[in-house]
Protein backbone atom coordinates (compact mmCIF):
# COMPACT_ATOMS: atom_id res chain seq x y z
CA UNK A 1 0.00 0.00 0.00
CA UNK A 2 1.26 3.44 -0.94
CA UNK A 3 2.08 5.85 1.88
CA UNK A 4 -0.38 8.68 2.43
CA UNK A 5 1.17 12.04 1.62
CA UNK A 6 0.95 15.06 3.90
CA UNK A 7 -1.29 16.97 1.49
CA UNK A 8 -4.00 14.33 1.77
CA UNK A 9 -3.70 14.28 5.57
CA UNK A 10 -3.89 18.08 5.71
CA UNK A 11 -6.97 18.18 3.49
CA UNK A 12 -8.63 15.42 5.54
CA UNK A 13 -7.92 17.40 8.72
CA UNK A 14 -9.57 20.47 7.17
CA UNK A 15 -12.68 18.49 6.19
CA UNK A 16 -12.86 17.07 9.73
CA UNK A 17 -12.52 20.58 11.18
CA UNK A 18 -15.38 21.76 8.93
CA UNK A 19 -17.81 18.86 9.27
CA UNK A 20 -17.10 16.63 12.30
CA UNK A 21 -18.66 19.08 14.79
CA UNK A 22 -15.98 18.28 17.37
CA UNK A 23 -15.44 21.79 18.67
CA UNK A 24 -11.72 21.00 18.57
CA UNK A 25 -8.98 21.88 16.13
CA UNK A 26 -8.59 18.82 13.88
CA UNK A 27 -4.90 19.62 13.43
CA UNK A 28 -4.46 19.18 17.19
CA UNK A 29 -5.95 15.69 17.11
CA UNK A 30 -3.52 12.80 16.90
CA UNK A 31 -3.72 10.79 13.68
CA UNK A 32 -5.08 7.71 15.46
CA UNK A 33 -7.42 9.43 17.92
CA UNK A 34 -10.97 8.02 17.83
CA UNK A 35 -13.16 10.79 16.42
CA UNK A 36 -16.33 9.11 17.72
CA UNK A 37 -14.85 9.01 21.25
CA UNK A 38 -14.13 12.74 20.86
CA UNK A 39 -17.82 13.35 20.16
CA UNK A 40 -18.37 12.98 16.42
CA UNK A 41 -21.91 11.72 15.86
CA UNK A 42 -22.92 9.33 13.12
CA UNK A 43 -24.80 12.25 11.54
CA UNK A 44 -21.62 14.34 11.55
CA UNK A 45 -19.70 11.44 10.03
CA UNK A 46 -22.06 11.58 7.04
CA UNK A 47 -21.16 15.27 6.71
CA UNK A 48 -17.48 14.34 6.84
CA UNK A 49 -18.00 11.72 4.13
CA UNK A 50 -19.82 14.18 1.88
CA UNK A 51 -17.16 16.82 2.53
CA UNK A 52 -14.42 14.33 1.61
CA UNK A 53 -16.24 13.33 -1.57
CA UNK A 54 -16.47 16.98 -2.59
CA UNK A 55 -12.90 17.87 -1.54
CA UNK A 56 -11.25 14.94 -3.33
CA UNK A 57 -13.82 14.33 -6.13
CA UNK A 58 -14.26 10.72 -5.03
CA UNK A 59 -17.18 8.50 -4.06
CA UNK A 60 -17.11 6.11 -1.13
CA UNK A 61 -18.49 2.72 -2.17
CA UNK A 62 -21.06 1.11 0.11
CA UNK A 63 -18.45 -1.41 1.32
CA UNK A 64 -16.44 1.49 2.82
CA UNK A 65 -19.36 3.05 4.70
CA UNK A 66 -18.27 1.60 8.03
CA UNK A 67 -17.45 3.19 11.36
CA UNK A 68 -13.84 1.95 11.29
CA UNK A 69 -13.18 3.80 8.01
CA UNK A 70 -14.22 7.13 9.59
CA UNK A 71 -12.93 6.69 13.14
CA UNK A 72 -9.61 8.55 12.85
CA UNK A 73 -7.63 10.94 10.68
CA UNK A 74 -5.34 8.04 9.82
CA UNK A 75 -8.12 5.64 8.77
CA UNK A 76 -9.87 8.33 6.72
CA UNK A 77 -6.62 9.38 5.04
CA UNK A 78 -5.85 5.76 4.13
CA UNK A 79 -9.33 5.30 2.67
CA UNK A 80 -9.06 8.50 0.62
CA UNK A 81 -5.59 7.51 -0.58
CA UNK A 82 -6.90 4.09 -1.67
CA UNK A 83 -9.80 5.66 -3.58
CA UNK A 84 -7.52 8.19 -5.29
CA UNK A 85 -5.12 5.46 -6.39
CA UNK A 86 -7.72 3.10 -7.91
PDB file of N, CA and C in Angstrom:
ATOM      1  N   UNK A   1       0.851  -1.187   0.000  1.00  0.00           N
ATOM      2  CA  UNK A   1       0.000   0.000   0.000  1.00  0.00           C
ATOM      3  C   UNK A   1       0.885   1.235   0.000  1.00  0.00           C
ATOM      4  N   UNK A   2       0.509   2.192  -0.812  1.00  0.00           N
ATOM      5  CA  UNK A   2       1.261   3.436  -0.937  1.00  0.00           C
ATOM      6  C   UNK A   2       1.074   4.301   0.308  1.00  0.00           C
ATOM      7  N   UNK A   3       2.148   4.975   0.715  1.00  0.00           N
ATOM      8  CA  UNK A   3       2.076   5.854   1.883  1.00  0.00           C
ATOM      9  C   UNK A   3       1.196   7.063   1.571  1.00  0.00           C
ATOM     10  N   UNK A   4       0.488   7.522   2.578  1.00  0.00           N
ATOM     11  CA  UNK A   4      -0.383   8.682   2.426  1.00  0.00           C
ATOM     12  C   UNK A   4       0.479   9.932   2.537  1.00  0.00           C
ATOM     13  N   UNK A   5       0.351  10.833   1.561  1.00  0.00           N
ATOM     14  CA  UNK A   5       1.168  12.039   1.620  1.00  0.00           C
ATOM     15  C   UNK A   5       0.550  13.092   2.542  1.00  0.00           C
ATOM     16  N   UNK A   6       1.371  14.039   2.945  1.00  0.00           N
ATOM     17  CA  UNK A   6       0.945  15.056   3.903  1.00  0.00           C
ATOM     18  C   UNK A   6      -0.165  15.951   3.374  1.00  0.00           C
ATOM     19  N   UNK A   7      -0.222  16.146   2.057  1.00  0.00           N
ATOM     20  CA  UNK A   7      -1.285  16.972   1.486  1.00  0.00           C
ATOM     21  C   UNK A   7      -2.648  16.329   1.729  1.00  0.00           C
ATOM     22  N   UNK A   8      -2.735  15.020   1.521  1.00  0.00           N
ATOM     23  CA  UNK A   8      -4.005  14.326   1.771  1.00  0.00           C
ATOM     24  C   UNK A   8      -4.380  14.444   3.245  1.00  0.00           C
ATOM     25  N   UNK A   9      -3.429  14.193   4.126  1.00  0.00           N
ATOM     26  CA  UNK A   9      -3.702  14.277   5.568  1.00  0.00           C
ATOM     27  C   UNK A   9      -4.179  15.677   5.940  1.00  0.00           C
ATOM     28  N   UNK A  10      -3.521  16.692   5.420  1.00  0.00           N
ATOM     29  CA  UNK A  10      -3.889  18.077   5.712  1.00  0.00           C
ATOM     30  C   UNK A  10      -5.297  18.396   5.224  1.00  0.00           C
ATOM     31  N   UNK A  11      -5.629  17.939   4.036  1.00  0.00           N
ATOM     32  CA  UNK A  11      -6.966  18.181   3.489  1.00  0.00           C
ATOM     33  C   UNK A  11      -8.020  17.414   4.270  1.00  0.00           C
ATOM     34  N   UNK A  12      -7.712  16.200   4.697  1.00  0.00           N
ATOM     35  CA  UNK A  12      -8.631  15.422   5.537  1.00  0.00           C
ATOM     36  C   UNK A  12      -8.858  16.150   6.863  1.00  0.00           C
ATOM     37  N   UNK A  13      -7.793  16.657   7.461  1.00  0.00           N
ATOM     38  CA  UNK A  13      -7.924  17.403   8.720  1.00  0.00           C
ATOM     39  C   UNK A  13      -8.842  18.609   8.544  1.00  0.00           C
ATOM     40  N   UNK A  14      -8.731  19.296   7.422  1.00  0.00           N
ATOM     41  CA  UNK A  14      -9.572  20.470   7.173  1.00  0.00           C
ATOM     42  C   UNK A  14     -11.035  20.063   7.036  1.00  0.00           C
ATOM     43  N   UNK A  15     -11.297  18.976   6.334  1.00  0.00           N
ATOM     44  CA  UNK A  15     -12.679  18.487   6.190  1.00  0.00           C
ATOM     45  C   UNK A  15     -13.234  18.104   7.569  1.00  0.00           C
ATOM     46  N   UNK A  16     -12.423  17.441   8.376  1.00  0.00           N
ATOM     47  CA  UNK A  16     -12.863  17.068   9.732  1.00  0.00           C
ATOM     48  C   UNK A  16     -13.168  18.326  10.544  1.00  0.00           C
ATOM     49  N   UNK A  17     -12.302  19.324  10.448  1.00  0.00           N
ATOM     50  CA  UNK A  17     -12.524  20.578  11.177  1.00  0.00           C
ATOM     51  C   UNK A  17     -13.837  21.232  10.749  1.00  0.00           C
ATOM     52  N   UNK A  18     -14.173  21.118   9.462  1.00  0.00           N
ATOM     53  CA  UNK A  18     -15.376  21.760   8.929  1.00  0.00           C
ATOM     54  C   UNK A  18     -16.659  20.982   9.192  1.00  0.00           C
ATOM     55  N   UNK A  19     -16.586  19.668   9.265  1.00  0.00           N
ATOM     56  CA  UNK A  19     -17.811  18.861   9.274  1.00  0.00           C
ATOM     57  C   UNK A  19     -18.012  17.936  10.477  1.00  0.00           C
ATOM     58  N   UNK A  20     -16.967  17.636  11.237  1.00  0.00           N
ATOM     59  CA  UNK A  20     -17.097  16.628  12.300  1.00  0.00           C
ATOM     60  C   UNK A  20     -17.795  17.149  13.553  1.00  0.00           C
ATOM     61  N   UNK A  21     -17.962  18.472  13.649  1.00  0.00           N
ATOM     62  CA  UNK A  21     -18.661  19.078  14.794  1.00  0.00           C
ATOM     63  C   UNK A  21     -18.024  18.682  16.126  1.00  0.00           C
ATOM     64  N   UNK A  22     -16.686  18.684  16.152  1.00  0.00           N
ATOM     65  CA  UNK A  22     -15.976  18.281  17.369  1.00  0.00           C
ATOM     66  C   UNK A  22     -15.709  19.439  18.321  1.00  0.00           C
ATOM     67  N   UNK A  23     -15.770  20.650  17.825  1.00  0.00           N
ATOM     68  CA  UNK A  23     -15.439  21.786  18.667  1.00  0.00           C
ATOM     69  C   UNK A  23     -13.970  21.790  19.053  1.00  0.00           C
ATOM     70  N   UNK A  24     -13.159  21.060  18.311  1.00  0.00           N
ATOM     71  CA  UNK A  24     -11.722  20.997  18.570  1.00  0.00           C
ATOM     72  C   UNK A  24     -11.000  21.191  17.248  1.00  0.00           C
ATOM     73  N   UNK A  25      -9.787  21.693  17.325  1.00  0.00           N
ATOM     74  CA  UNK A  25      -8.984  21.881  16.129  1.00  0.00           C
ATOM     75  C   UNK A  25      -8.513  20.515  15.633  1.00  0.00           C
ATOM     76  N   UNK A  26      -8.928  20.141  14.421  1.00  0.00           N
ATOM     77  CA  UNK A  26      -8.588  18.819  13.885  1.00  0.00           C
ATOM     78  C   UNK A  26      -7.084  18.633  13.757  1.00  0.00           C
ATOM     79  N   UNK A  27      -6.357  19.712  13.548  1.00  0.00           N
ATOM     80  CA  UNK A  27      -4.904  19.617  13.427  1.00  0.00           C
ATOM     81  C   UNK A  27      -4.291  19.191  14.764  1.00  0.00           C
ATOM     82  N   UNK A  28      -4.963  19.523  15.860  1.00  0.00           N
ATOM     83  CA  UNK A  28      -4.455  19.178  17.190  1.00  0.00           C
ATOM     84  C   UNK A  28      -4.755  17.733  17.573  1.00  0.00           C
ATOM     85  N   UNK A  29      -5.632  17.082  16.825  1.00  0.00           N
ATOM     86  CA  UNK A  29      -5.952  15.687  17.115  1.00  0.00           C
ATOM     87  C   UNK A  29      -4.816  14.799  16.626  1.00  0.00           C
ATOM     88  N   UNK A  30      -4.531  13.748  17.375  1.00  0.00           N
ATOM     89  CA  UNK A  30      -3.522  12.805  16.897  1.00  0.00           C
ATOM     90  C   UNK A  30      -4.123  11.999  15.748  1.00  0.00           C
ATOM     91  N   UNK A  31      -3.268  11.484  14.886  1.00  0.00           N
ATOM     92  CA  UNK A  31      -3.717  10.790  13.678  1.00  0.00           C
ATOM     93  C   UNK A  31      -4.588   9.576  13.985  1.00  0.00           C
ATOM     94  N   UNK A  32      -4.346   8.935  15.124  1.00  0.00           N
ATOM     95  CA  UNK A  32      -5.079   7.711  15.462  1.00  0.00           C
ATOM     96  C   UNK A  32      -6.148   7.911  16.527  1.00  0.00           C
ATOM     97  N   UNK A  33      -6.412   9.151  16.899  1.00  0.00           N
ATOM     98  CA  UNK A  33      -7.422   9.430  17.920  1.00  0.00           C
ATOM     99  C   UNK A  33      -8.818   9.095  17.391  1.00  0.00           C
ATOM    100  N   UNK A  34      -9.623   8.431  18.209  1.00  0.00           N
ATOM    101  CA  UNK A  34     -10.971   8.017  17.827  1.00  0.00           C
ATOM    102  C   UNK A  34     -11.886   9.242  17.790  1.00  0.00           C
ATOM    103  N   UNK A  35     -12.313   9.606  16.588  1.00  0.00           N
ATOM    104  CA  UNK A  35     -13.162  10.788  16.424  1.00  0.00           C
ATOM    105  C   UNK A  35     -14.523  10.602  17.069  1.00  0.00           C
ATOM    106  N   UNK A  36     -15.037   9.368  17.081  1.00  0.00           N
ATOM    107  CA  UNK A  36     -16.327   9.113  17.719  1.00  0.00           C
ATOM    108  C   UNK A  36     -16.209   9.268  19.239  1.00  0.00           C
ATOM    109  N   UNK A  37     -15.085   8.836  19.802  1.00  0.00           N
ATOM    110  CA  UNK A  37     -14.854   9.008  21.246  1.00  0.00           C
ATOM    111  C   UNK A  37     -14.719  10.488  21.599  1.00  0.00           C
ATOM    112  N   UNK A  38     -14.259  11.295  20.645  1.00  0.00           N
ATOM    113  CA  UNK A  38     -14.130  12.741  20.856  1.00  0.00           C
ATOM    114  C   UNK A  38     -15.449  13.470  20.666  1.00  0.00           C
ATOM    115  N   UNK A  39     -16.489  12.745  20.237  1.00  0.00           N
ATOM    116  CA  UNK A  39     -17.818  13.346  20.162  1.00  0.00           C
ATOM    117  C   UNK A  39     -18.427  13.470  18.779  1.00  0.00           C
ATOM    118  N   UNK A  40     -17.770  12.922  17.755  1.00  0.00           N
ATOM    119  CA  UNK A  40     -18.374  12.985  16.423  1.00  0.00           C
ATOM    120  C   UNK A  40     -19.567  12.036  16.374  1.00  0.00           C
ATOM    121  N   UNK A  41     -20.704  12.549  15.971  1.00  0.00           N
ATOM    122  CA  UNK A  41     -21.914  11.725  15.863  1.00  0.00           C
ATOM    123  C   UNK A  41     -21.939  11.010  14.514  1.00  0.00           C
ATOM    124  N   UNK A  42     -22.797  10.019  14.405  1.00  0.00           N
ATOM    125  CA  UNK A  42     -22.921   9.327  13.118  1.00  0.00           C
ATOM    126  C   UNK A  42     -23.450  10.295  12.064  1.00  0.00           C
ATOM    127  N   UNK A  43     -24.306  11.229  12.468  1.00  0.00           N
ATOM    128  CA  UNK A  43     -24.801  12.246  11.539  1.00  0.00           C
ATOM    129  C   UNK A  43     -23.660  13.116  11.036  1.00  0.00           C
ATOM    130  N   UNK A  44     -22.774  13.530  11.947  1.00  0.00           N
ATOM    131  CA  UNK A  44     -21.621  14.344  11.554  1.00  0.00           C
ATOM    132  C   UNK A  44     -20.675  13.552  10.654  1.00  0.00           C
ATOM    133  N   UNK A  45     -20.579  12.241  10.871  1.00  0.00           N
ATOM    134  CA  UNK A  45     -19.695  11.436  10.029  1.00  0.00           C
ATOM    135  C   UNK A  45     -20.195  11.405   8.586  1.00  0.00           C
ATOM    136  N   UNK A  46     -21.506  11.494   8.396  1.00  0.00           N
ATOM    137  CA  UNK A  46     -22.060  11.582   7.043  1.00  0.00           C
ATOM    138  C   UNK A  46     -21.628  12.908   6.410  1.00  0.00           C
ATOM    139  N   UNK A  47     -21.648  13.980   7.195  1.00  0.00           N
ATOM    140  CA  UNK A  47     -21.161  15.270   6.707  1.00  0.00           C
ATOM    141  C   UNK A  47     -19.695  15.211   6.330  1.00  0.00           C
ATOM    142  N   UNK A  48     -18.903  14.519   7.145  1.00  0.00           N
ATOM    143  CA  UNK A  48     -17.477  14.339   6.844  1.00  0.00           C
ATOM    144  C   UNK A  48     -17.328  13.582   5.526  1.00  0.00           C
ATOM    145  N   UNK A  49     -18.089  12.504   5.359  1.00  0.00           N
ATOM    146  CA  UNK A  49     -18.004  11.718   4.131  1.00  0.00           C
ATOM    147  C   UNK A  49     -18.348  12.575   2.914  1.00  0.00           C
ATOM    148  N   UNK A  50     -19.428  13.332   2.997  1.00  0.00           N
ATOM    149  CA  UNK A  50     -19.825  14.181   1.875  1.00  0.00           C
ATOM    150  C   UNK A  50     -18.785  15.263   1.609  1.00  0.00           C
ATOM    151  N   UNK A  51     -18.215  15.816   2.681  1.00  0.00           N
ATOM    152  CA  UNK A  51     -17.156  16.815   2.530  1.00  0.00           C
ATOM    153  C   UNK A  51     -15.924  16.231   1.858  1.00  0.00           C
ATOM    154  N   UNK A  52     -15.579  15.002   2.222  1.00  0.00           N
ATOM    155  CA  UNK A  52     -14.424  14.331   1.606  1.00  0.00           C
ATOM    156  C   UNK A  52     -14.691  14.050   0.133  1.00  0.00           C
ATOM    157  N   UNK A  53     -15.905  13.605  -0.174  1.00  0.00           N
ATOM    158  CA  UNK A  53     -16.240  13.326  -1.574  1.00  0.00           C
ATOM    159  C   UNK A  53     -16.120  14.587  -2.415  1.00  0.00           C
ATOM    160  N   UNK A  54     -16.561  15.701  -1.875  1.00  0.00           N
ATOM    161  CA  UNK A  54     -16.466  16.976  -2.587  1.00  0.00           C
ATOM    162  C   UNK A  54     -15.016  17.452  -2.688  1.00  0.00           C
ATOM    163  N   UNK A  55     -14.287  17.394  -1.591  1.00  0.00           N
ATOM    164  CA  UNK A  55     -12.899  17.873  -1.543  1.00  0.00           C
ATOM    165  C   UNK A  55     -11.991  17.104  -2.493  1.00  0.00           C
ATOM    166  N   UNK A  56     -12.173  15.782  -2.554  1.00  0.00           N
ATOM    167  CA  UNK A  56     -11.253  14.942  -3.330  1.00  0.00           C
ATOM    168  C   UNK A  56     -11.861  14.441  -4.646  1.00  0.00           C
ATOM    169  N   UNK A  57     -13.121  14.802  -4.928  1.00  0.00           N
ATOM    170  CA  UNK A  57     -13.818  14.331  -6.132  1.00  0.00           C
ATOM    171  C   UNK A  57     -13.775  12.805  -6.217  1.00  0.00           C
ATOM    172  N   UNK A  58     -14.216  12.182  -5.134  1.00  0.00           N
ATOM    173  CA  UNK A  58     -14.263  10.721  -5.026  1.00  0.00           C
ATOM    174  C   UNK A  58     -15.662  10.321  -4.578  1.00  0.00           C
ATOM    175  N   UNK A  59     -15.938   9.020  -4.608  1.00  0.00           N
ATOM    176  CA  UNK A  59     -17.180   8.497  -4.064  1.00  0.00           C
ATOM    177  C   UNK A  59     -16.856   7.266  -3.237  1.00  0.00           C
ATOM    178  N   UNK A  60     -17.325   7.269  -2.001  1.00  0.00           N
ATOM    179  CA  UNK A  60     -17.113   6.115  -1.134  1.00  0.00           C
ATOM    180  C   UNK A  60     -18.083   5.013  -1.524  1.00  0.00           C
ATOM    181  N   UNK A  61     -17.582   3.829  -1.881  1.00  0.00           N
ATOM    182  CA  UNK A  61     -18.492   2.715  -2.174  1.00  0.00           C
ATOM    183  C   UNK A  61     -19.163   2.230  -0.892  1.00  0.00           C
ATOM    184  N   UNK A  62     -20.309   1.587  -1.046  1.00  0.00           N
ATOM    185  CA  UNK A  62     -21.061   1.106   0.114  1.00  0.00           C
ATOM    186  C   UNK A  62     -20.201   0.260   1.053  1.00  0.00           C
ATOM    187  N   UNK A  63     -19.302  -0.528   0.498  1.00  0.00           N
ATOM    188  CA  UNK A  63     -18.455  -1.405   1.322  1.00  0.00           C
ATOM    189  C   UNK A  63     -17.552  -0.620   2.269  1.00  0.00           C
ATOM    190  N   UNK A  64     -17.311   0.665   1.966  1.00  0.00           N
ATOM    191  CA  UNK A  64     -16.445   1.487   2.825  1.00  0.00           C
ATOM    192  C   UNK A  64     -17.243   2.329   3.819  1.00  0.00           C
ATOM    193  N   UNK A  65     -18.539   2.244   3.796  1.00  0.00           N
ATOM    194  CA  UNK A  65     -19.364   3.049   4.700  1.00  0.00           C
ATOM    195  C   UNK A  65     -19.495   2.332   6.043  1.00  0.00           C
ATOM    196  N   UNK A  66     -18.356   2.271   6.736  1.00  0.00           N
ATOM    197  CA  UNK A  66     -18.267   1.596   8.034  1.00  0.00           C
ATOM    198  C   UNK A  66     -17.633   2.550   9.045  1.00  0.00           C
ATOM    199  N   UNK A  67     -17.979   2.348  10.287  1.00  0.00           N
ATOM    200  CA  UNK A  67     -17.448   3.185  11.364  1.00  0.00           C
ATOM    201  C   UNK A  67     -15.924   3.182  11.386  1.00  0.00           C
ATOM    202  N   UNK A  68     -15.299   2.021  11.188  1.00  0.00           N
ATOM    203  CA  UNK A  68     -13.837   1.949  11.295  1.00  0.00           C
ATOM    204  C   UNK A  68     -13.136   2.776  10.217  1.00  0.00           C
ATOM    205  N   UNK A  69     -13.782   2.989   9.076  1.00  0.00           N
ATOM    206  CA  UNK A  69     -13.182   3.803   8.009  1.00  0.00           C
ATOM    207  C   UNK A  69     -13.126   5.273   8.432  1.00  0.00           C
ATOM    208  N   UNK A  70     -14.097   5.717   9.225  1.00  0.00           N
ATOM    209  CA  UNK A  70     -14.221   7.129   9.588  1.00  0.00           C
ATOM    210  C   UNK A  70     -13.836   7.429  11.036  1.00  0.00           C
ATOM    211  N   UNK A  71     -13.164   6.491  11.715  1.00  0.00           N
ATOM    212  CA  UNK A  71     -12.927   6.692  13.143  1.00  0.00           C
ATOM    213  C   UNK A  71     -11.704   7.525  13.484  1.00  0.00           C
ATOM    214  N   UNK A  72     -10.792   7.740  12.537  1.00  0.00           N
ATOM    215  CA  UNK A  72      -9.609   8.548  12.853  1.00  0.00           C
ATOM    216  C   UNK A  72      -9.094   9.246  11.603  1.00  0.00           C
ATOM    217  N   UNK A  73      -8.263  10.244  11.801  1.00  0.00           N
ATOM    218  CA  UNK A  73      -7.631  10.936  10.677  1.00  0.00           C
ATOM    219  C   UNK A  73      -6.844   9.937   9.851  1.00  0.00           C
ATOM    220  N   UNK A  74      -6.154   9.048  10.508  1.00  0.00           N
ATOM    221  CA  UNK A  74      -5.337   8.044   9.821  1.00  0.00           C
ATOM    222  C   UNK A  74      -6.191   7.110   8.969  1.00  0.00           C
ATOM    223  N   UNK A  75      -7.279   6.578   9.527  1.00  0.00           N
ATOM    224  CA  UNK A  75      -8.117   5.641   8.768  1.00  0.00           C
ATOM    225  C   UNK A  75      -8.807   6.335   7.601  1.00  0.00           C
ATOM    226  N   UNK A  76      -9.240   7.574   7.804  1.00  0.00           N
ATOM    227  CA  UNK A  76      -9.870   8.330   6.719  1.00  0.00           C
ATOM    228  C   UNK A  76      -8.852   8.628   5.627  1.00  0.00           C
ATOM    229  N   UNK A  77      -7.654   9.061   6.018  1.00  0.00           N
ATOM    230  CA  UNK A  77      -6.618   9.381   5.037  1.00  0.00           C
ATOM    231  C   UNK A  77      -6.235   8.148   4.206  1.00  0.00           C
ATOM    232  N   UNK A  78      -6.153   7.006   4.856  1.00  0.00           N
ATOM    233  CA  UNK A  78      -5.852   5.765   4.127  1.00  0.00           C
ATOM    234  C   UNK A  78      -6.960   5.423   3.137  1.00  0.00           C
ATOM    235  N   UNK A  79      -8.206   5.588   3.555  1.00  0.00           N
ATOM    236  CA  UNK A  79      -9.331   5.297   2.673  1.00  0.00           C
ATOM    237  C   UNK A  79      -9.330   6.234   1.465  1.00  0.00           C
ATOM    238  N   UNK A  80      -9.113   7.523   1.707  1.00  0.00           N
ATOM    239  CA  UNK A  80      -9.064   8.502   0.619  1.00  0.00           C
ATOM    240  C   UNK A  80      -7.921   8.160  -0.328  1.00  0.00           C
ATOM    241  N   UNK A  81      -6.758   7.863   0.241  1.00  0.00           N
ATOM    242  CA  UNK A  81      -5.591   7.508  -0.578  1.00  0.00           C
ATOM    243  C   UNK A  81      -5.896   6.295  -1.464  1.00  0.00           C
ATOM    244  N   UNK A  82      -6.546   5.289  -0.895  1.00  0.00           N
ATOM    245  CA  UNK A  82      -6.899   4.090  -1.668  1.00  0.00           C
ATOM    246  C   UNK A  82      -7.858   4.424  -2.807  1.00  0.00           C
ATOM    247  N   UNK A  83      -8.833   5.288  -2.544  1.00  0.00           N
ATOM    248  CA  UNK A  83      -9.795   5.657  -3.575  1.00  0.00           C
ATOM    249  C   UNK A  83      -9.137   6.502  -4.679  1.00  0.00           C
ATOM    250  N   UNK A  84      -8.209   7.348  -4.309  1.00  0.00           N
ATOM    251  CA  UNK A  84      -7.519   8.194  -5.292  1.00  0.00           C
ATOM    252  C   UNK A  84      -6.585   7.382  -6.179  1.00  0.00           C
ATOM    253  N   UNK A  85      -6.092   6.264  -5.661  1.00  0.00           N
ATOM    254  CA  UNK A  85      -5.117   5.458  -6.392  1.00  0.00           C
ATOM    255  C   UNK A  85      -5.740   4.251  -7.087  1.00  0.00           C
ATOM    256  N   UNK A  86      -7.054   4.220  -7.218  1.00  0.00           N
ATOM    257  CA  UNK A  86      -7.718   3.098  -7.911  1.00  0.00           C
ATOM    258  C   UNK A  86      -7.536   3.227  -9.392  1.00  0.00           C
TER     259      UNK A  86
END
